[in-house]
Amino acid sequence: VVALLSARALLEAGVSLAQARLTPK
């Protein structure tokens, strides 16, 4: 459960980073 929640947090951070790169473009 801890690993899955950590993986989800990392994936959501990745979404935010990709979104931060995409939106201004």
mmCIF file of all heavy atoms, coordinates in Angstrom:
data_MODEL
# 
_entry.id   MODEL 
# 
loop_
_atom_site.group_PDB 
_atom_site.id 
_atom_site.type_symbol 
_atom_site.label_atom_id 
_atom_site.label_alt_id 
_atom_site.label_comp_id 
_atom_site.label_asym_id 
_atom_site.label_entity_id 
_atom_site.label_seq_id 
_atom_site.pdbx_PDB_ins_code 
_atom_site.Cartn_x 
_atom_site.Cartn_y 
_atom_site.Cartn_z 
_atom_site.occupancy 
_atom_site.B_iso_or_equiv 
_atom_site.pdbx_formal_charge 
_atom_site.auth_seq_id 
_atom_site.auth_comp_id 
_atom_site.auth_asym_id 
_atom_site.auth_atom_id 
_atom_site.pdbx_PDB_model_num 
ATOM 1   N N   . VAL A 1 1  ? 0.839  -1.207 0.000   1.00 0.00 ? 1  VAL A N   1 
ATOM 2   C CA  . VAL A 1 1  ? 0.000  0.000  0.000   1.00 0.00 ? 1  VAL A CA  1 
ATOM 3   C C   . VAL A 1 1  ? 0.869  1.249  0.000   1.00 0.00 ? 1  VAL A C   1 
ATOM 4   O O   . VAL A 1 1  ? 0.628  2.199  -0.762  1.00 0.00 ? 1  VAL A O   1 
ATOM 5   C CB  . VAL A 1 1  ? -0.940 -0.004 1.221   1.00 0.00 ? 1  VAL A CB  1 
ATOM 6   C CG1 . VAL A 1 1  ? -1.667 1.337  1.347   1.00 0.00 ? 1  VAL A CG1 1 
ATOM 7   C CG2 . VAL A 1 1  ? -1.949 -1.138 1.107   1.00 0.00 ? 1  VAL A CG2 1 
ATOM 8   N N   . VAL A 1 2  ? 1.914  1.259  0.847   1.00 0.00 ? 2  VAL A N   1 
ATOM 9   C CA  . VAL A 1 2  ? 2.822  2.412  0.903   1.00 0.00 ? 2  VAL A CA  1 
ATOM 10  C C   . VAL A 1 2  ? 3.494  2.623  -0.444  1.00 0.00 ? 2  VAL A C   1 
ATOM 11  O O   . VAL A 1 2  ? 3.623  3.756  -0.941  1.00 0.00 ? 2  VAL A O   1 
ATOM 12  C CB  . VAL A 1 2  ? 3.863  2.211  2.018   1.00 0.00 ? 2  VAL A CB  1 
ATOM 13  C CG1 . VAL A 1 2  ? 4.920  3.320  1.960   1.00 0.00 ? 2  VAL A CG1 1 
ATOM 14  C CG2 . VAL A 1 2  ? 3.180  2.201  3.383   1.00 0.00 ? 2  VAL A CG2 1 
ATOM 15  N N   . ALA A 1 3  ? 3.929  1.515  -1.072  1.00 0.00 ? 3  ALA A N   1 
ATOM 16  C CA  . ALA A 1 3  ? 4.602  1.629  -2.366  1.00 0.00 ? 3  ALA A CA  1 
ATOM 17  C C   . ALA A 1 3  ? 3.649  2.173  -3.431  1.00 0.00 ? 3  ALA A C   1 
ATOM 18  O O   . ALA A 1 3  ? 4.029  3.033  -4.252  1.00 0.00 ? 3  ALA A O   1 
ATOM 19  C CB  . ALA A 1 3  ? 5.146  0.262  -2.782  1.00 0.00 ? 3  ALA A CB  1 
ATOM 20  N N   . LEU A 1 4  ? 2.411  1.685  -3.424  1.00 0.00 ? 4  LEU A N   1 
ATOM 21  C CA  . LEU A 1 4  ? 1.451  2.159  -4.413  1.00 0.00 ? 4  LEU A CA  1 
ATOM 22  C C   . LEU A 1 4  ? 1.110  3.632  -4.207  1.00 0.00 ? 4  LEU A C   1 
ATOM 23  O O   . LEU A 1 4  ? 1.008  4.397  -5.179  1.00 0.00 ? 4  LEU A O   1 
ATOM 24  C CB  . LEU A 1 4  ? 0.176  1.312  -4.346  1.00 0.00 ? 4  LEU A CB  1 
ATOM 25  C CG  . LEU A 1 4  ? 0.316  -0.139 -4.845  1.00 0.00 ? 4  LEU A CG  1 
ATOM 26  C CD1 . LEU A 1 4  ? -0.953 -0.921 -4.545  1.00 0.00 ? 4  LEU A CD1 1 
ATOM 27  C CD2 . LEU A 1 4  ? 0.619  -0.164 -6.335  1.00 0.00 ? 4  LEU A CD2 1 
ATOM 28  N N   . LEU A 1 5  ? 0.927  4.027  -2.957  1.00 0.00 ? 5  LEU A N   1 
ATOM 29  C CA  . LEU A 1 5  ? 0.647  5.435  -2.688  1.00 0.00 ? 5  LEU A CA  1 
ATOM 30  C C   . LEU A 1 5  ? 1.823  6.323  -3.053  1.00 0.00 ? 5  LEU A C   1 
ATOM 31  O O   . LEU A 1 5  ? 1.653  7.430  -3.572  1.00 0.00 ? 5  LEU A O   1 
ATOM 32  C CB  . LEU A 1 5  ? 0.274  5.619  -1.216  1.00 0.00 ? 5  LEU A CB  1 
ATOM 33  C CG  . LEU A 1 5  ? -1.055 4.985  -0.773  1.00 0.00 ? 5  LEU A CG  1 
ATOM 34  C CD1 . LEU A 1 5  ? -1.265 5.196  0.720   1.00 0.00 ? 5  LEU A CD1 1 
ATOM 35  C CD2 . LEU A 1 5  ? -2.219 5.561  -1.558  1.00 0.00 ? 5  LEU A CD2 1 
ATOM 36  N N   . SER A 1 6  ? 3.033  5.849  -2.788  1.00 0.00 ? 6  SER A N   1 
ATOM 37  C CA  . SER A 1 6  ? 4.235  6.609  -3.170  1.00 0.00 ? 6  SER A CA  1 
ATOM 38  C C   . SER A 1 6  ? 4.340  6.712  -4.684  1.00 0.00 ? 6  SER A C   1 
ATOM 39  O O   . SER A 1 6  ? 4.671  7.778  -5.233  1.00 0.00 ? 6  SER A O   1 
ATOM 40  C CB  . SER A 1 6  ? 5.478  5.941  -2.591  1.00 0.00 ? 6  SER A CB  1 
ATOM 41  O OG  . SER A 1 6  ? 5.418  5.888  -1.175  1.00 0.00 ? 6  SER A OG  1 
ATOM 42  N N   . ALA A 1 7  ? 4.056  5.593  -5.373  1.00 0.00 ? 7  ALA A N   1 
ATOM 43  C CA  . ALA A 1 7  ? 4.095  5.627  -6.835  1.00 0.00 ? 7  ALA A CA  1 
ATOM 44  C C   . ALA A 1 7  ? 3.051  6.595  -7.380  1.00 0.00 ? 7  ALA A C   1 
ATOM 45  O O   . ALA A 1 7  ? 3.308  7.336  -8.343  1.00 0.00 ? 7  ALA A O   1 
ATOM 46  C CB  . ALA A 1 7  ? 3.853  4.222  -7.389  1.00 0.00 ? 7  ALA A CB  1 
ATOM 47  N N   . ARG A 1 8  ? 1.876  6.610  -6.750  1.00 0.00 ? 8  ARG A N   1 
ATOM 48  C CA  . ARG A 1 8  ? 0.844  7.547  -7.193  1.00 0.00 ? 8  ARG A CA  1 
ATOM 49  C C   . ARG A 1 8  ? 1.291  8.990  -6.992  1.00 0.00 ? 8  ARG A C   1 
ATOM 50  O O   . ARG A 1 8  ? 1.062  9.847  -7.862  1.00 0.00 ? 8  ARG A O   1 
ATOM 51  C CB  . ARG A 1 8  ? -0.453 7.287  -6.428  1.00 0.00 ? 8  ARG A CB  1 
ATOM 52  C CG  . ARG A 1 8  ? -1.600 8.168  -6.891  1.00 0.00 ? 8  ARG A CG  1 
ATOM 53  C CD  . ARG A 1 8  ? -2.816 8.021  -6.005  1.00 0.00 ? 8  ARG A CD  1 
ATOM 54  N NE  . ARG A 1 8  ? -3.893 8.885  -6.468  1.00 0.00 ? 8  ARG A NE  1 
ATOM 55  C CZ  . ARG A 1 8  ? -5.009 9.110  -5.812  1.00 0.00 ? 8  ARG A CZ  1 
ATOM 56  N NH1 . ARG A 1 8  ? -5.216 8.524  -4.631  1.00 0.00 ? 8  ARG A NH1 1 
ATOM 57  N NH2 . ARG A 1 8  ? -5.939 9.907  -6.296  1.00 0.00 ? 8  ARG A NH2 1 
ATOM 58  N N   . ALA A 1 9  ? 1.918  9.263  -5.855  1.00 0.00 ? 9  ALA A N   1 
ATOM 59  C CA  . ALA A 1 9  ? 2.411  10.624 -5.600  1.00 0.00 ? 9  ALA A CA  1 
ATOM 60  C C   . ALA A 1 9  ? 3.444  11.034 -6.648  1.00 0.00 ? 9  ALA A C   1 
ATOM 61  O O   . ALA A 1 9  ? 3.428  12.166 -7.144  1.00 0.00 ? 9  ALA A O   1 
ATOM 62  C CB  . ALA A 1 9  ? 3.000  10.711 -4.201  1.00 0.00 ? 9  ALA A CB  1 
ATOM 63  N N   . LEU A 1 10 ? 4.344  10.099 -6.997  1.00 0.00 ? 10 LEU A N   1 
ATOM 64  C CA  . LEU A 1 10 ? 5.358  10.394 -8.017  1.00 0.00 ? 10 LEU A CA  1 
ATOM 65  C C   . LEU A 1 10 ? 4.704  10.635 -9.382  1.00 0.00 ? 10 LEU A C   1 
ATOM 66  O O   . LEU A 1 10 ? 5.101  11.546 -10.119 1.00 0.00 ? 10 LEU A O   1 
ATOM 67  C CB  . LEU A 1 10 ? 6.369  9.252  -8.096  1.00 0.00 ? 10 LEU A CB  1 
ATOM 68  C CG  . LEU A 1 10 ? 7.315  9.111  -6.898  1.00 0.00 ? 10 LEU A CG  1 
ATOM 69  C CD1 . LEU A 1 10 ? 8.173  7.855  -7.045  1.00 0.00 ? 10 LEU A CD1 1 
ATOM 70  C CD2 . LEU A 1 10 ? 8.206  10.351 -6.769  1.00 0.00 ? 10 LEU A CD2 1 
ATOM 71  N N   . LEU A 1 11 ? 3.704  9.814  -9.712  1.00 0.00 ? 11 LEU A N   1 
ATOM 72  C CA  . LEU A 1 11 ? 3.030  9.989  -10.994 1.00 0.00 ? 11 LEU A CA  1 
ATOM 73  C C   . LEU A 1 11 ? 2.278  11.315 -11.054 1.00 0.00 ? 11 LEU A C   1 
ATOM 74  O O   . LEU A 1 11 ? 2.289  11.995 -12.084 1.00 0.00 ? 11 LEU A O   1 
ATOM 75  C CB  . LEU A 1 11 ? 2.067  8.824  -11.223 1.00 0.00 ? 11 LEU A CB  1 
ATOM 76  C CG  . LEU A 1 11 ? 2.717  7.453  -11.493 1.00 0.00 ? 11 LEU A CG  1 
ATOM 77  C CD1 . LEU A 1 11 ? 1.671  6.360  -11.480 1.00 0.00 ? 11 LEU A CD1 1 
ATOM 78  C CD2 . LEU A 1 11 ? 3.463  7.472  -12.814 1.00 0.00 ? 11 LEU A CD2 1 
ATOM 79  N N   . GLU A 1 12 ? 1.632  11.700 -9.970  1.00 0.00 ? 12 GLU A N   1 
ATOM 80  C CA  . GLU A 1 12 ? 0.930  12.986 -9.947  1.00 0.00 ? 12 GLU A CA  1 
ATOM 81  C C   . GLU A 1 12 ? 1.914  14.152 -10.042 1.00 0.00 ? 12 GLU A C   1 
ATOM 82  O O   . GLU A 1 12 ? 1.613  15.174 -10.667 1.00 0.00 ? 12 GLU A O   1 
ATOM 83  C CB  . GLU A 1 12 ? 0.083  13.095 -8.686  1.00 0.00 ? 12 GLU A CB  1 
ATOM 84  C CG  . GLU A 1 12 ? -1.128 12.169 -8.697  1.00 0.00 ? 12 GLU A CG  1 
ATOM 85  C CD  . GLU A 1 12 ? -1.968 12.306 -7.452  1.00 0.00 ? 12 GLU A CD  1 
ATOM 86  O OE1 . GLU A 1 12 ? -1.480 12.905 -6.473  1.00 0.00 ? 12 GLU A OE1 1 
ATOM 87  O OE2 . GLU A 1 12 ? -3.115 11.803 -7.439  1.00 0.00 ? 12 GLU A OE2 1 
ATOM 88  N N   . ALA A 1 13 ? 3.086  13.986 -9.413  1.00 0.00 ? 13 ALA A N   1 
ATOM 89  C CA  . ALA A 1 13 ? 4.115  15.014 -9.564  1.00 0.00 ? 13 ALA A CA  1 
ATOM 90  C C   . ALA A 1 13 ? 4.569  15.096 -11.015 1.00 0.00 ? 13 ALA A C   1 
ATOM 91  O O   . ALA A 1 13 ? 4.809  16.194 -11.553 1.00 0.00 ? 13 ALA A O   1 
ATOM 92  C CB  . ALA A 1 13 ? 5.293  14.711 -8.643  1.00 0.00 ? 13 ALA A CB  1 
ATOM 93  N N   . GLY A 1 14 ? 4.689  13.926 -11.663 1.00 0.00 ? 14 GLY A N   1 
ATOM 94  C CA  . GLY A 1 14 ? 5.045  13.920 -13.080 1.00 0.00 ? 14 GLY A CA  1 
ATOM 95  C C   . GLY A 1 14 ? 3.997  14.603 -13.936 1.00 0.00 ? 14 GLY A C   1 
ATOM 96  O O   . GLY A 1 14 ? 4.328  15.320 -14.892 1.00 0.00 ? 14 GLY A O   1 
ATOM 97  N N   . VAL A 1 15 ? 2.718  14.391 -13.606 1.00 0.00 ? 15 VAL A N   1 
ATOM 98  C CA  . VAL A 1 15 ? 1.642  15.073 -14.329 1.00 0.00 ? 15 VAL A CA  1 
ATOM 99  C C   . VAL A 1 15 ? 1.775  16.583 -14.171 1.00 0.00 ? 15 VAL A C   1 
ATOM 100 O O   . VAL A 1 15 ? 1.643  17.339 -15.143 1.00 0.00 ? 15 VAL A O   1 
ATOM 101 C CB  . VAL A 1 15 ? 0.264  14.593 -13.819 1.00 0.00 ? 15 VAL A CB  1 
ATOM 102 C CG1 . VAL A 1 15 ? -0.849 15.466 -14.385 1.00 0.00 ? 15 VAL A CG1 1 
ATOM 103 C CG2 . VAL A 1 15 ? 0.033  13.145 -14.207 1.00 0.00 ? 15 VAL A CG2 1 
ATOM 104 N N   . SER A 1 16 ? 2.045  17.029 -12.957 1.00 0.00 ? 16 SER A N   1 
ATOM 105 C CA  . SER A 1 16 ? 2.189  18.475 -12.714 1.00 0.00 ? 16 SER A CA  1 
ATOM 106 C C   . SER A 1 16 ? 3.366  19.052 -13.479 1.00 0.00 ? 16 SER A C   1 
ATOM 107 O O   . SER A 1 16 ? 3.274  20.154 -14.050 1.00 0.00 ? 16 SER A O   1 
ATOM 108 C CB  . SER A 1 16 ? 2.354  18.731 -11.212 1.00 0.00 ? 16 SER A CB  1 
ATOM 109 O OG  . SER A 1 16 ? 1.219  18.285 -10.493 1.00 0.00 ? 16 SER A OG  1 
ATOM 110 N N   . LEU A 1 17 ? 4.486  18.312 -13.516 1.00 0.00 ? 17 LEU A N   1 
ATOM 111 C CA  . LEU A 1 17 ? 5.654  18.800 -14.244 1.00 0.00 ? 17 LEU A CA  1 
ATOM 112 C C   . LEU A 1 17 ? 5.381  18.876 -15.746 1.00 0.00 ? 17 LEU A C   1 
ATOM 113 O O   . LEU A 1 17 ? 5.740  19.857 -16.411 1.00 0.00 ? 17 LEU A O   1 
ATOM 114 C CB  . LEU A 1 17 ? 6.850  17.884 -13.974 1.00 0.00 ? 17 LEU A CB  1 
ATOM 115 C CG  . LEU A 1 17 ? 7.425  17.936 -12.550 1.00 0.00 ? 17 LEU A CG  1 
ATOM 116 C CD1 . LEU A 1 17 ? 8.494  16.864 -12.365 1.00 0.00 ? 17 LEU A CD1 1 
ATOM 117 C CD2 . LEU A 1 17 ? 8.003  19.320 -12.261 1.00 0.00 ? 17 LEU A CD2 1 
ATOM 118 N N   . ALA A 1 18 ? 4.749  17.831 -16.285 1.00 0.00 ? 18 ALA A N   1 
ATOM 119 C CA  . ALA A 1 18 ? 4.432  17.847 -17.714 1.00 0.00 ? 18 ALA A CA  1 
ATOM 120 C C   . ALA A 1 18 ? 3.421  18.938 -18.036 1.00 0.00 ? 18 ALA A C   1 
ATOM 121 O O   . ALA A 1 18 ? 3.520  19.611 -19.075 1.00 0.00 ? 18 ALA A O   1 
ATOM 122 C CB  . ALA A 1 18 ? 3.894  16.481 -18.133 1.00 0.00 ? 18 ALA A CB  1 
ATOM 123 N N   . GLN A 1 19 ? 2.468  19.138 -17.144 1.00 0.00 ? 19 GLN A N   1 
ATOM 124 C CA  . GLN A 1 19 ? 1.475  20.194 -17.346 1.00 0.00 ? 19 GLN A CA  1 
ATOM 125 C C   . GLN A 1 19 ? 2.128  21.571 -17.298 1.00 0.00 ? 19 GLN A C   1 
ATOM 126 O O   . GLN A 1 19 ? 1.782  22.466 -18.087 1.00 0.00 ? 19 GLN A O   1 
ATOM 127 C CB  . GLN A 1 19 ? 0.397  20.073 -16.276 1.00 0.00 ? 19 GLN A CB  1 
ATOM 128 C CG  . GLN A 1 19 ? -0.700 21.116 -16.371 1.00 0.00 ? 19 GLN A CG  1 
ATOM 129 C CD  . GLN A 1 19 ? -1.693 20.973 -15.235 1.00 0.00 ? 19 GLN A CD  1 
ATOM 130 O OE1 . GLN A 1 19 ? -1.956 19.879 -14.745 1.00 0.00 ? 19 GLN A OE1 1 
ATOM 131 N NE2 . GLN A 1 19 ? -2.240 22.095 -14.790 1.00 0.00 ? 19 GLN A NE2 1 
ATOM 132 N N   . ALA A 1 20 ? 3.067  21.752 -16.378 1.00 0.00 ? 20 ALA A N   1 
ATOM 133 C CA  . ALA A 1 20 ? 3.775  23.036 -16.286 1.00 0.00 ? 20 ALA A CA  1 
ATOM 134 C C   . ALA A 1 20 ? 4.579  23.317 -17.550 1.00 0.00 ? 20 ALA A C   1 
ATOM 135 O O   . ALA A 1 20 ? 4.777  24.476 -17.931 1.00 0.00 ? 20 ALA A O   1 
ATOM 136 C CB  . ALA A 1 20 ? 4.695  23.021 -15.069 1.00 0.00 ? 20 ALA A CB  1 
ATOM 137 N N   . ARG A 1 21 ? 5.045  22.271 -18.200 1.00 0.00 ? 21 ARG A N   1 
ATOM 138 C CA  . ARG A 1 21 ? 5.781  22.435 -19.460 1.00 0.00 ? 21 ARG A CA  1 
ATOM 139 C C   . ARG A 1 21 ? 4.837  22.677 -20.628 1.00 0.00 ? 21 ARG A C   1 
ATOM 140 O O   . ARG A 1 21 ? 5.165  23.420 -21.563 1.00 0.00 ? 21 ARG A O   1 
ATOM 141 C CB  . ARG A 1 21 ? 6.616  21.180 -19.696 1.00 0.00 ? 21 ARG A CB  1 
ATOM 142 C CG  . ARG A 1 21 ? 7.304  21.113 -21.049 1.00 0.00 ? 21 ARG A CG  1 
ATOM 143 C CD  . ARG A 1 21 ? 8.023  19.781 -21.195 1.00 0.00 ? 21 ARG A CD  1 
ATOM 144 N NE  . ARG A 1 21 ? 8.448  19.545 -22.557 1.00 0.00 ? 21 ARG A NE  1 
ATOM 145 C CZ  . ARG A 1 21 ? 8.993  18.418 -22.985 1.00 0.00 ? 21 ARG A CZ  1 
ATOM 146 N NH1 . ARG A 1 21 ? 9.167  17.418 -22.135 1.00 0.00 ? 21 ARG A NH1 1 
ATOM 147 N NH2 . ARG A 1 21 ? 9.344  18.288 -24.250 1.00 0.00 ? 21 ARG A NH2 1 
ATOM 148 N N   . LEU A 1 22 ? 3.663  22.071 -20.571 1.00 0.00 ? 22 LEU A N   1 
ATOM 149 C CA  . LEU A 1 22 ? 2.741  22.100 -21.705 1.00 0.00 ? 22 LEU A CA  1 
ATOM 150 C C   . LEU A 1 22 ? 1.910  23.373 -21.758 1.00 0.00 ? 22 LEU A C   1 
ATOM 151 O O   . LEU A 1 22 ? 1.740  23.969 -22.833 1.00 0.00 ? 22 LEU A O   1 
ATOM 152 C CB  . LEU A 1 22 ? 1.822  20.875 -21.619 1.00 0.00 ? 22 LEU A CB  1 
ATOM 153 C CG  . LEU A 1 22 ? 0.751  20.714 -22.691 1.00 0.00 ? 22 LEU A CG  1 
ATOM 154 C CD1 . LEU A 1 22 ? 1.382  20.574 -24.053 1.00 0.00 ? 22 LEU A CD1 1 
ATOM 155 C CD2 . LEU A 1 22 ? -0.126 19.506 -22.359 1.00 0.00 ? 22 LEU A CD2 1 
ATOM 156 N N   . THR A 1 23 ? 1.374  23.797 -20.619 1.00 0.00 ? 23 THR A N   1 
ATOM 157 C CA  . THR A 1 23 ? 0.421  24.904 -20.598 1.00 0.00 ? 23 THR A CA  1 
ATOM 158 C C   . THR A 1 23 ? 0.976  26.201 -21.184 1.00 0.00 ? 23 THR A C   1 
ATOM 159 O O   . THR A 1 23 ? 0.319  26.829 -22.024 1.00 0.00 ? 23 THR A O   1 
ATOM 160 C CB  . THR A 1 23 ? -0.080 25.134 -19.157 1.00 0.00 ? 23 THR A CB  1 
ATOM 161 O OG1 . THR A 1 23 ? -0.689 23.931 -18.686 1.00 0.00 ? 23 THR A OG1 1 
ATOM 162 C CG2 . THR A 1 23 ? -1.080 26.263 -19.109 1.00 0.00 ? 23 THR A CG2 1 
ATOM 163 N N   . PRO A 1 24 ? 2.175  26.651 -20.800 1.00 0.00 ? 24 PRO A N   1 
ATOM 164 C CA  . PRO A 1 24 ? 2.682  27.892 -21.405 1.00 0.00 ? 24 PRO A CA  1 
ATOM 165 C C   . PRO A 1 24 ? 2.878  27.778 -22.914 1.00 0.00 ? 24 PRO A C   1 
ATOM 166 O O   . PRO A 1 24 ? 2.711  28.769 -23.633 1.00 0.00 ? 24 PRO A O   1 
ATOM 167 C CB  . PRO A 1 24 ? 4.027  28.104 -20.689 1.00 0.00 ? 24 PRO A CB  1 
ATOM 168 C CG  . PRO A 1 24 ? 3.919  27.330 -19.422 1.00 0.00 ? 24 PRO A CG  1 
ATOM 169 C CD  . PRO A 1 24 ? 3.082  26.148 -19.757 1.00 0.00 ? 24 PRO A CD  1 
ATOM 170 N N   . LYS A 1 25 ? 3.208  26.582 -23.398 1.00 0.00 ? 25 LYS A N   1 
ATOM 171 C CA  . LYS A 1 25 ? 3.409  26.426 -24.836 1.00 0.00 ? 25 LYS A CA  1 
ATOM 172 C C   . LYS A 1 25 ? 2.092  26.587 -25.595 1.00 0.00 ? 25 LYS A C   1 
ATOM 173 O O   . LYS A 1 25 ? 2.070  27.151 -26.698 1.00 0.00 ? 25 LYS A O   1 
ATOM 174 C CB  . LYS A 1 25 ? 4.016  25.058 -25.133 1.00 0.00 ? 25 LYS A CB  1 
ATOM 175 C CG  . LYS A 1 25 ? 5.472  24.929 -24.699 1.00 0.00 ? 25 LYS A CG  1 
ATOM 176 C CD  . LYS A 1 25 ? 6.068  23.615 -25.154 1.00 0.00 ? 25 LYS A CD  1 
ATOM 177 C CE  . LYS A 1 25 ? 7.546  23.532 -24.781 1.00 0.00 ? 25 LYS A CE  1 
ATOM 178 N NZ  . LYS A 1 25 ? 8.174  22.282 -25.251 1.00 0.00 ? 25 LYS A NZ  1 
# 
